C-alpha atoms as a PDB file:
ATOM      1  CA  MET A   1       0.000   0.000   0.000  1.00  0.00           C
ATOM      2  CA  LEU A   2       1.396   3.366  -1.034  1.00  0.00           C
ATOM      3  CA  ASP A   3       1.851   5.686   1.923  1.00  0.00           C
ATOM      4  CA  LYS A   4       1.907   9.473   1.814  1.00  0.00           C
ATOM      5  CA  ALA A   5       5.406   9.853   3.274  1.00  0.00           C
ATOM      6  CA  THR A   6       6.984   7.602   0.661  1.00  0.00           C
ATOM      7  CA  ARG A   7       5.276   9.393  -2.195  1.00  0.00           C
ATOM      8  CA  GLU A   8       6.141  12.858  -0.891  1.00  0.00           C
ATOM      9  CA  ALA A   9       9.771  11.844  -0.414  1.00  0.00           C
ATOM     10  CA  ILE A  10       9.859  11.373  -4.204  1.00  0.00           C
ATOM     11  CA  THR A  11       7.401  13.789  -5.808  1.00  0.00           C
ATOM     12  CA  LEU A  12       4.411  16.074  -5.395  1.00  0.00           C
ATOM     13  CA  ALA A  13       3.425  15.676  -9.051  1.00  0.00           C
ATOM     14  CA  SER A  14      -0.243  15.046  -9.842  1.00  0.00           C
ATOM     15  CA  ASP A  15      -1.763  11.573 -10.137  1.00  0.00           C
ATOM     16  CA  GLU A  16      -2.473  12.247 -13.816  1.00  0.00           C
ATOM     17  CA  LYS A  17       1.159  13.032 -14.655  1.00  0.00           C
ATOM     18  CA  LEU A  18       2.414  10.041 -12.702  1.00  0.00           C
ATOM     19  CA  MET A  19      -0.092   7.626 -14.232  1.00  0.00           C
ATOM     20  CA  GLU A  20       0.774   8.852 -17.713  1.00  0.00           C
ATOM     21  CA  ALA A  21       4.484   8.281 -17.029  1.00  0.00           C
ATOM     22  CA  GLY A  22       3.898   4.880 -15.444  1.00  0.00           C
ATOM     23  CA  SER A  23       1.602   3.638 -18.199  1.00  0.00           C
ATOM     24  CA  LYS A  24       4.445   3.757 -20.727  1.00  0.00           C
ATOM     25  CA  HIS A  25       6.692   1.201 -19.041  1.00  0.00           C
ATOM     26  CA  ALA A  26       6.515  -2.483 -18.193  1.00  0.00           C
ATOM     27  CA  ALA A  27       6.729  -3.338 -14.492  1.00  0.00           C
ATOM     28  CA  ALA A  28       9.442  -5.939 -15.086  1.00  0.00           C
ATOM     29  CA  ALA A  29      11.575  -3.426 -16.984  1.00  0.00           C
ATOM     30  CA  LEU A  30      11.151  -0.812 -14.243  1.00  0.00           C
ATOM     31  CA  ASP A  31      12.066  -3.380 -11.595  1.00  0.00           C
ATOM     32  CA  ALA A  32      15.255  -4.339 -13.434  1.00  0.00           C
ATOM     33  CA  GLN A  33      16.218  -0.690 -13.900  1.00  0.00           C
ATOM     34  CA  ALA A  34      15.471   0.123 -10.271  1.00  0.00           C
ATOM     35  CA  GLY A  35      17.632  -2.756  -9.052  1.00  0.00           C
ATOM     36  CA  TYR A  36      20.593  -1.527 -11.072  1.00  0.00           C
ATOM     37  CA  THR A  37      20.159   2.176 -10.272  1.00  0.00           C
ATOM     38  CA  ILE A  38      19.604   1.688  -6.545  1.00  0.00           C
ATOM     39  CA  ASP A  39      22.547  -0.711  -6.245  1.00  0.00           C
ATOM     40  CA  LEU A  40      24.767   1.792  -8.070  1.00  0.00           C
ATOM     41  CA  ALA A  41      23.664   4.771  -5.991  1.00  0.00           C
ATOM     42  CA  THR A  42      24.096   2.919  -2.690  1.00  0.00           C
ATOM     43  CA  SER A  43      27.435   1.298  -3.512  1.00  0.00           C
ATOM     44  CA  PRO A  44      30.305   2.211  -1.130  1.00  0.00           C
ATOM     45  CA  ALA A  45      31.939   4.399  -3.779  1.00  0.00           C
ATOM     46  CA  GLU A  46      28.755   6.373  -4.495  1.00  0.00           C
ATOM     47  CA  LYS A  47      26.594   6.426  -1.363  1.00  0.00           C
ATOM     48  CA  ALA A  48      28.026   9.420   0.496  1.00  0.00           C
ATOM     49  CA  ALA A  49      28.125  11.708  -2.531  1.00  0.00           C
ATOM     50  CA  MET A  50      24.660  10.662  -3.675  1.00  0.00           C
ATOM     51  CA  GLU A  51      23.090  11.194  -0.248  1.00  0.00           C
ATOM     52  CA  LYS A  52      24.681  14.619  -0.147  1.00  0.00           C
ATOM     53  CA  GLU A  53      23.032  15.389  -3.468  1.00  0.00           C
ATOM     54  CA  VAL A  54      19.537  13.891  -2.955  1.00  0.00           C
ATOM     55  CA  GLY A  55      19.264  13.671   0.834  1.00  0.00           C
ATOM     56  CA  THR A  56      18.612  10.567   2.899  1.00  0.00           C
ATOM     57  CA  LYS A  57      14.928   9.966   2.027  1.00  0.00           C
ATOM     58  CA  LEU A  58      14.780   9.629  -1.757  1.00  0.00           C
ATOM     59  CA  ILE A  59      16.671   6.375  -2.234  1.00  0.00           C
ATOM     60  CA  PRO A  60      14.927   4.488   0.623  1.00  0.00           C
ATOM     61  CA  ALA A  61      11.623   5.703  -0.831  1.00  0.00           C
ATOM     62  CA  ALA A  62      12.696   4.353  -4.220  1.00  0.00           C
ATOM     63  CA  VAL A  63      13.448   0.993  -2.583  1.00  0.00           C
ATOM     64  CA  ALA A  64       9.942   0.964  -1.093  1.00  0.00           C
ATOM     65  CA  MET A  65       8.359   1.890  -4.434  1.00  0.00           C
ATOM     66  CA  ARG A  66      10.295  -0.833  -6.210  1.00  0.00           C
ATOM     67  CA  ALA A  67       8.819  -3.382  -3.796  1.00  0.00           C
ATOM     68  CA  LEU A  68       5.304  -2.047  -4.439  1.00  0.00           C
ATOM     69  CA  VAL A  69       5.722  -2.134  -8.213  1.00  0.00           C
ATOM     70  CA  LYS A  70       7.090  -5.658  -8.024  1.00  0.00           C
ATOM     71  CA  ALA A  71       4.143  -6.768  -5.889  1.00  0.00           C
ATOM     72  CA  THR A  72       1.417  -5.219  -8.066  1.00  0.00           C
ATOM     73  CA  GLY A  73       2.997  -5.303 -11.523  1.00  0.00           C
ATOM     74  CA  ASP A  74       0.925  -8.254 -12.697  1.00  0.00           C
ATOM     75  CA  GLU A  75      -2.265  -6.266 -12.068  1.00  0.00           C
ATOM     76  CA  ARG A  76      -1.699  -4.807 -15.509  1.00  0.00           C
ATOM     77  CA  VAL A  77      -3.815  -7.613 -16.925  1.00  0.00           C
ATOM     78  CA  VAL A  78      -6.905  -6.065 -15.311  1.00  0.00           C
ATOM     79  CA  GLY A  79      -8.677  -4.083 -18.021  1.00  0.00           C
ATOM     80  CA  LYS A  80      -5.493  -3.669 -20.001  1.00  0.00           C
ATOM     81  CA  GLY A  81      -7.007  -4.124 -23.463  1.00  0.00           C
ATOM     82  CA  SER A  82      -8.167  -0.587 -24.192  1.00  0.00           C
ATOM     83  CA  SER A  83      -5.529   0.956 -21.928  1.00  0.00           C
ATOM     84  CA  LYS A  84      -2.630  -0.638 -23.708  1.00  0.00           C
ATOM     85  CA  GLY A  85      -4.162   0.214 -27.050  1.00  0.00           C
ATOM     86  CA  LYS A  86      -4.492   3.877 -26.148  1.00  0.00           C
ATOM     87  CA  THR A  87      -0.977   3.998 -24.711  1.00  0.00           C
ATOM     88  CA  LEU A  88       0.413   2.439 -27.881  1.00  0.00           C
ATOM     89  CA  ALA A  89      -1.534   4.971 -29.969  1.00  0.00           C
ATOM     90  CA  GLN A  90       0.022   7.800 -27.999  1.00  0.00           C
ATOM     91  CA  GLY A  91       3.470   6.250 -28.361  1.00  0.00           C
ATOM     92  CA  LYS A  92       2.976   5.859 -32.118  1.00  0.00           C
ATOM     93  CA  ALA A  93       1.942   9.507 -32.458  1.00  0.00           C
ATOM     94  CA  ALA A  94       4.962  10.652 -30.420  1.00  0.00           C
ATOM     95  CA  ARG A  95       7.342   8.579 -32.532  1.00  0.00           C
ATOM     96  CA  ALA A  96       5.875  10.115 -35.700  1.00  0.00           C
ATOM     97  CA  ALA A  97       6.338  13.586 -34.196  1.00  0.00           C
ATOM     98  CA  ARG A  98       9.976  12.920 -33.336  1.00  0.00           C
ATOM     99  CA  GLU A  99      10.606  11.503 -36.815  1.00  0.00           C
ATOM    100  CA  TRP A 100       9.031  14.611 -38.368  1.00  0.00           C
ATOM    101  CA  ARG A 101      11.135  16.845 -36.122  1.00  0.00           C
ATOM    102  CA  ARG A 102      14.340  15.179 -37.327  1.00  0.00           C
ATOM    103  CA  LYS A 103      13.370  15.977 -40.928  1.00  0.00           C
ATOM    104  CA  ALA A 104      12.390  19.518 -39.945  1.00  0.00           C
ATOM    105  CA  LEU A 105      15.775  20.172 -38.353  1.00  0.00           C
ATOM    106  CA  LYS A 106      17.463  19.316 -41.649  1.00  0.00           C
ATOM    107  CA  ALA A 107      15.008  21.530 -43.518  1.00  0.00           C
ATOM    108  CA  PHE A 108      15.809  24.470 -41.246  1.00  0.00           C
ATOM    109  CA  LYS A 109      19.540  23.911 -41.702  1.00  0.00           C
ATOM    110  CA  ASN A 110      19.020  24.060 -45.458  1.00  0.00           C
ATOM    111  CA  LEU A 111      16.947  27.223 -45.129  1.00  0.00           C
ATOM    112  CA  VAL A 112      19.758  28.855 -43.149  1.00  0.00           C
ATOM    113  CA  LEU A 113      22.256  27.789 -45.810  1.00  0.00           C
ATOM    114  CA  ARG A 114      20.021  29.441 -48.401  1.00  0.00           C
ATOM    115  CA  GLY A 115      20.185  32.704 -46.454  1.00  0.00           C
ATOM    116  CA  VAL A 116      17.079  32.573 -44.238  1.00  0.00           C
ATOM    117  CA  GLU A 117      18.723  33.647 -40.989  1.00  0.00           C
ATOM    118  CA  GLU A 118      15.376  34.160 -39.266  1.00  0.00           C
ATOM    119  CA  VAL A 119      15.116  30.411 -38.597  1.00  0.00           C
ATOM    120  CA  SER A 120      18.669  29.835 -37.365  1.00  0.00           C
ATOM    121  CA  ASP A 121      17.351  29.176 -33.840  1.00  0.00           C
ATOM    122  CA  GLN A 122      15.188  26.308 -35.139  1.00  0.00           C
ATOM    123  CA  THR A 123      18.044  23.986 -36.138  1.00  0.00           C
ATOM    124  CA  LYS A 124      18.051  22.363 -32.694  1.00  0.00           C
ATOM    125  CA  ILE A 125      15.501  20.530 -30.569  1.00  0.00           C
ATOM    126  CA  THR A 126      13.652  22.945 -28.297  1.00  0.00           C
ATOM    127  CA  ALA A 127      11.264  20.586 -26.453  1.00  0.00           C
ATOM    128  CA  SER A 128      11.872  17.677 -24.117  1.00  0.00           C
ATOM    129  CA  ASP A 129      10.708  14.246 -25.282  1.00  0.00           C
ATOM    130  CA  ASN A 130       9.292  13.769 -21.780  1.00  0.00           C
ATOM    131  CA  SER A 131       6.445  16.217 -22.494  1.00  0.00           C
ATOM    132  CA  GLN A 132       3.961  15.282 -25.202  1.00  0.00           C
ATOM    133  CA  THR A 133       2.455  18.770 -25.010  1.00  0.00           C
ATOM    134  CA  LYS A 134       5.807  20.498 -25.527  1.00  0.00           C
ATOM    135  CA  LEU A 135       6.625  18.130 -28.389  1.00  0.00           C
ATOM    136  CA  ARG A 136       3.308  18.916 -30.088  1.00  0.00           C
ATOM    137  CA  GLU A 137       3.812  22.655 -29.614  1.00  0.00           C
ATOM    138  CA  GLU A 138       7.309  22.419 -31.095  1.00  0.00           C
ATOM    139  CA  VAL A 139       6.052  20.533 -34.157  1.00  0.00           C
ATOM    140  CA  GLU A 140       3.236  23.043 -34.678  1.00  0.00           C
ATOM    141  CA  HIS A 141       5.643  25.983 -34.372  1.00  0.00           C
ATOM    142  CA  LYS A 142       8.240  24.500 -36.706  1.00  0.00           C
ATOM    143  CA  ALA A 143       5.609  23.594 -39.307  1.00  0.00           C
ATOM    144  CA  LYS A 144       4.280  27.165 -39.268  1.00  0.00           C
ATOM    145  CA  LEU A 145       7.781  28.595 -39.706  1.00  0.00           C
ATOM    146  CA  ILE A 146       8.592  26.260 -42.604  1.00  0.00           C
ATOM    147  CA  LYS A 147       5.390  27.334 -44.356  1.00  0.00           C
ATOM    148  CA  THR A 148       6.266  30.990 -43.761  1.00  0.00           C
ATOM    149  CA  TYR A 149       9.910  31.014 -44.798  1.00  0.00           C
ATOM    150  CA  ALA A 150      10.197  28.292 -47.454  1.00  0.00           C
ATOM    151  CA  PRO A 151       8.843  30.600 -50.203  1.00  0.00           C
ATOM    152  CA  LYS A 152      11.451  33.215 -49.305  1.00  0.00           C
ATOM    153  CA  ALA A 153      14.214  30.686 -50.045  1.00  0.00           C
ATOM    154  CA  LEU A 154      12.438  29.490 -53.194  1.00  0.00           C
ATOM    155  CA  VAL A 155      12.117  26.027 -51.646  1.00  0.00           C
ATOM    156  CA  LEU A 156       8.476  25.181 -52.113  1.00  0.00           C
ATOM    157  CA  GLU A 157       7.109  21.781 -52.973  1.00  0.00           C
ATOM    158  CA  ASN A 158       9.000  19.502 -50.587  1.00  0.00           C
ATOM    159  CA  ALA A 159       9.167  22.051 -47.757  1.00  0.00           C
ATOM    160  CA  LEU A 160       5.468  22.857 -47.919  1.00  0.00           C
ATOM    161  CA  ALA A 161       4.621  19.155 -47.993  1.00  0.00           C
ATOM    162  CA  LEU A 162       6.774  18.727 -44.885  1.00  0.00           C
ATOM    163  CA  ALA A 163       4.942  21.607 -43.197  1.00  0.00           C
ATOM    164  CA  ASP A 164       1.550  20.074 -44.030  1.00  0.00           C
ATOM    165  CA  LEU A 165       2.721  16.743 -42.644  1.00  0.00           C
ATOM    166  CA  GLY A 166       3.817  18.517 -39.455  1.00  0.00           C
ATOM    167  CA  VAL A 167       0.329  19.942 -38.985  1.00  0.00           C
ATOM    168  CA  LYS A 168      -1.145  16.449 -39.335  1.00  0.00           C
ATOM    169  CA  VAL A 169       1.426  14.889 -36.979  1.00  0.00           C
ATOM    170  CA  ALA A 170       0.714  17.521 -34.330  1.00  0.00           C
ATOM    171  CA  ALA A 171      -3.034  16.948 -34.674  1.00  0.00           C
ATOM    172  CA  ASP A 172      -2.586  13.186 -34.293  1.00  0.00           C
ATOM    173  CA  LEU A 173      -0.480  13.716 -31.185  1.00  0.00           C
ATOM    174  CA  SER A 174      -3.084  16.054 -29.706  1.00  0.00           C
ATOM    175  CA  ALA A 175      -5.865  13.533 -30.372  1.00  0.00           C
ATOM    176  CA  ALA A 176      -3.879  10.706 -28.775  1.00  0.00           C
ATOM    177  CA  ASP A 177      -3.150  12.854 -25.720  1.00  0.00           C
ATOM    178  CA  SER A 178      -6.831  13.739 -25.326  1.00  0.00           C
ATOM    179  CA  ILE A 179      -7.866  10.094 -25.489  1.00  0.00           C
ATOM    180  CA  GLN A 180      -5.209   9.160 -22.960  1.00  0.00           C
ATOM    181  CA  GLU A 181      -6.224  11.910 -20.516  1.00  0.00           C
ATOM    182  CA  VAL A 182      -9.878  10.882 -20.529  1.00  0.00           C
ATOM    183  CA  GLU A 183      -9.089   7.219 -20.349  1.00  0.00           C
ATOM    184  CA  PHE A 184      -6.978   7.284 -17.180  1.00  0.00           C
ATOM    185  CA  LYS A 185     -10.058   8.363 -15.234  1.00  0.00           C
ATOM    186  CA  ASN A 186     -11.986   5.357 -16.535  1.00  0.00           C
ATOM    187  CA  LEU A 187      -9.415   2.684 -15.791  1.00  0.00           C
ATOM    188  CA  PRO A 188     -10.077   0.072 -13.101  1.00  0.00           C
ATOM    189  CA  LEU A 189      -8.773   1.228  -9.715  1.00  0.00           C
ATOM    190  CA  LYS A 190      -6.150  -1.522  -9.592  1.00  0.00           C
ATOM    191  CA  THR A 191      -4.768  -0.442 -12.955  1.00  0.00           C
ATOM    192  CA  GLN A 192      -4.722   3.200 -11.865  1.00  0.00           C
ATOM    193  CA  GLU A 193      -2.825   2.145  -8.745  1.00  0.00           C
ATOM    194  CA  GLU A 194      -0.283   0.205 -10.785  1.00  0.00           C
ATOM    195  CA  TYR A 195       0.330   3.080 -13.205  1.00  0.00           C
ATOM    196  CA  LEU A 196       0.619   5.521 -10.302  1.00  0.00           C
ATOM    197  CA  GLN A 197       3.172   3.377  -8.494  1.00  0.00           C
ATOM    198  CA  LYS A 198       5.228   2.872 -11.636  1.00  0.00           C
ATOM    199  CA  GLY A 199       5.168   6.594 -12.327  1.00  0.00           C
ATOM    200  CA  ILE A 200       6.401   7.429  -8.833  1.00  0.00           C
ATOM    201  CA  LEU A 201       9.220   4.887  -9.124  1.00  0.00           C
ATOM    202  CA  LEU A 202      10.191   6.289 -12.518  1.00  0.00           C
ATOM    203  CA  TYR A 203      10.347   9.816 -11.094  1.00  0.00           C
ATOM    204  CA  ALA A 204      12.599   8.551  -8.303  1.00  0.00           C
ATOM    205  CA  LEU A 205      14.962   6.850 -10.744  1.00  0.00           C
ATOM    206  CA  LYS A 206      15.169   9.961 -12.900  1.00  0.00           C
ATOM    207  CA  GLN A 207      16.063  12.083  -9.869  1.00  0.00           C
ATOM    208  CA  ILE A 208      18.764   9.616  -8.840  1.00  0.00           C
ATOM    209  CA  ASN A 209      20.143   9.655 -12.380  1.00  0.00           C
ATOM    210  CA  ASN A 210      20.147  13.452 -12.469  1.00  0.00           C
ATOM    211  CA  ALA A 211      22.043  13.468  -9.182  1.00  0.00           C
ATOM    212  CA  GLY A 212      24.531  10.952 -10.559  1.00  0.00           C
ATOM    213  CA  TRP A 213      25.282  13.238 -13.485  1.00  0.00           C
ATOM    214  CA  THR A 214      25.739  16.153 -11.091  1.00  0.00           C
ATOM    215  CA  VAL A 215      28.096  14.186  -8.859  1.00  0.00           C
ATOM    216  CA  HIS A 216      30.167  13.066 -11.851  1.00  0.00           C
ATOM    217  CA  ALA A 217      29.874  16.252 -13.913  1.00  0.00           C
ATOM    218  CA  THR A 218      33.577  16.182 -14.763  1.00  0.00           C
ATOM    219  CA  ASN A 219      33.678  12.484 -15.677  1.00  0.00           C
ATOM    220  CA  LEU A 220      31.247  11.555 -18.465  1.00  0.00           C
ATOM    221  CA  LEU A 221      32.157   7.869 -18.286  1.00  0.00           C
ATOM    222  CA  SER A 222      31.142   7.673 -14.621  1.00  0.00           C
ATOM    223  CA  ALA A 223      28.096   9.872 -15.169  1.00  0.00           C
ATOM    224  CA  GLY A 224      26.980   7.710 -18.081  1.00  0.00           C
ATOM    225  CA  ARG A 225      26.335   4.801 -15.727  1.00  0.00           C
ATOM    226  CA  TYR A 226      23.295   6.740 -14.501  1.00  0.00           C
ATOM    227  CA  SER A 227      20.904   6.120 -17.385  1.00  0.00           C
ATOM    228  CA  LEU A 228      17.597   4.387 -18.137  1.00  0.00           C
ATOM    229  CA  GLU A 229      19.072   2.073 -20.767  1.00  0.00           C
ATOM    230  CA  ILE A 230      17.953  -1.071 -18.939  1.00  0.00           C
ATOM    231  CA  LEU A 231      14.391   0.265 -18.749  1.00  0.00           C
ATOM    232  CA  TYR A 232      14.196   1.061 -22.450  1.00  0.00           C
ATOM    233  CA  ARG A 233      15.721  -2.262 -23.463  1.00  0.00           C
ATOM    234  CA  GLY A 234      13.295  -4.084 -21.192  1.00  0.00           C
ATOM    235  CA  ASP A 235      10.329  -2.166 -22.599  1.00  0.00           C
ATOM    236  CA  GLN A 236      11.308  -3.048 -26.142  1.00  0.00           C
ATOM    237  CA  ALA A 237      11.629  -6.709 -25.191  1.00  0.00           C
ATOM    238  CA  THR A 238       8.276  -6.871 -23.398  1.00  0.00           C
ATOM    239  CA  GLY A 239       6.225  -4.419 -25.435  1.00  0.00           C
ATOM    240  CA  GLY A 240       5.952  -2.041 -22.487  1.00  0.00           C
ATOM    241  CA  GLY A 241       5.915   1.038 -24.665  1.00  0.00           C
ATOM    242  CA  GLY A 242       9.080   2.811 -23.582  1.00  0.00           C
ATOM    243  CA  THR A 243      10.839   4.904 -26.187  1.00  0.00           C
ATOM    244  CA  PRO A 244      14.529   5.630 -25.824  1.00  0.00           C
ATOM    245  CA  PRO A 245      15.706   9.217 -26.161  1.00  0.00           C
ATOM    246  CA  THR A 246      16.115  10.322 -29.756  1.00  0.00           C
ATOM    247  CA  LYS A 247      19.643  11.218 -30.824  1.00  0.00           C
ATOM    248  CA  ILE A 248      19.954  13.650 -33.700  1.00  0.00           C
END
């Protein structure tokens, strides 16, 4: 049973945000990632520096959340049909948006090379992949700019087609997000509880990883051990829906 103190030691984020985060990952993958991350952060070489960075409550709370996720992970089978379908739809829309963004970045670089300096700040990613809303807003903004400035550079057909595709991709992402938001409220209570617990654990692991990068800011090899690679690999193996960070 999730207790208030454990949750508040990790996050004050809303149930909706936590359930959305937790719905994207398989319990087994989260458990494997948590085992690795917690063992790393509490190892003799890391423990003192990590506790100095995150305090003494976060990691024990993560241990408690891992146990809860492990105990209730199989509850996913309750009412999972529509839930998994909606989550996969959202994941598919996000992947399409990231793929479009990669093409858009190249288009903006070409526009700059053709003398359109007004879009020079659009040649890099401006939104985090962790926020579907920010991703959608970035796609919408970039599509509008391509449609505005492509004629100036005499680059029309392909660029305008890319802009039109961006509008569609953003609309699809918005529709998937709306479905997901409504659906969480209609899930069986056990499924809501599972998603919530997984989301809280994920937030804990991300905070530990962020602290690890801070502790090892001058040593990228050591900092690189603090990642979610195990989680993403596990999701891909089990169909849990996790999407690794996109590298441009």
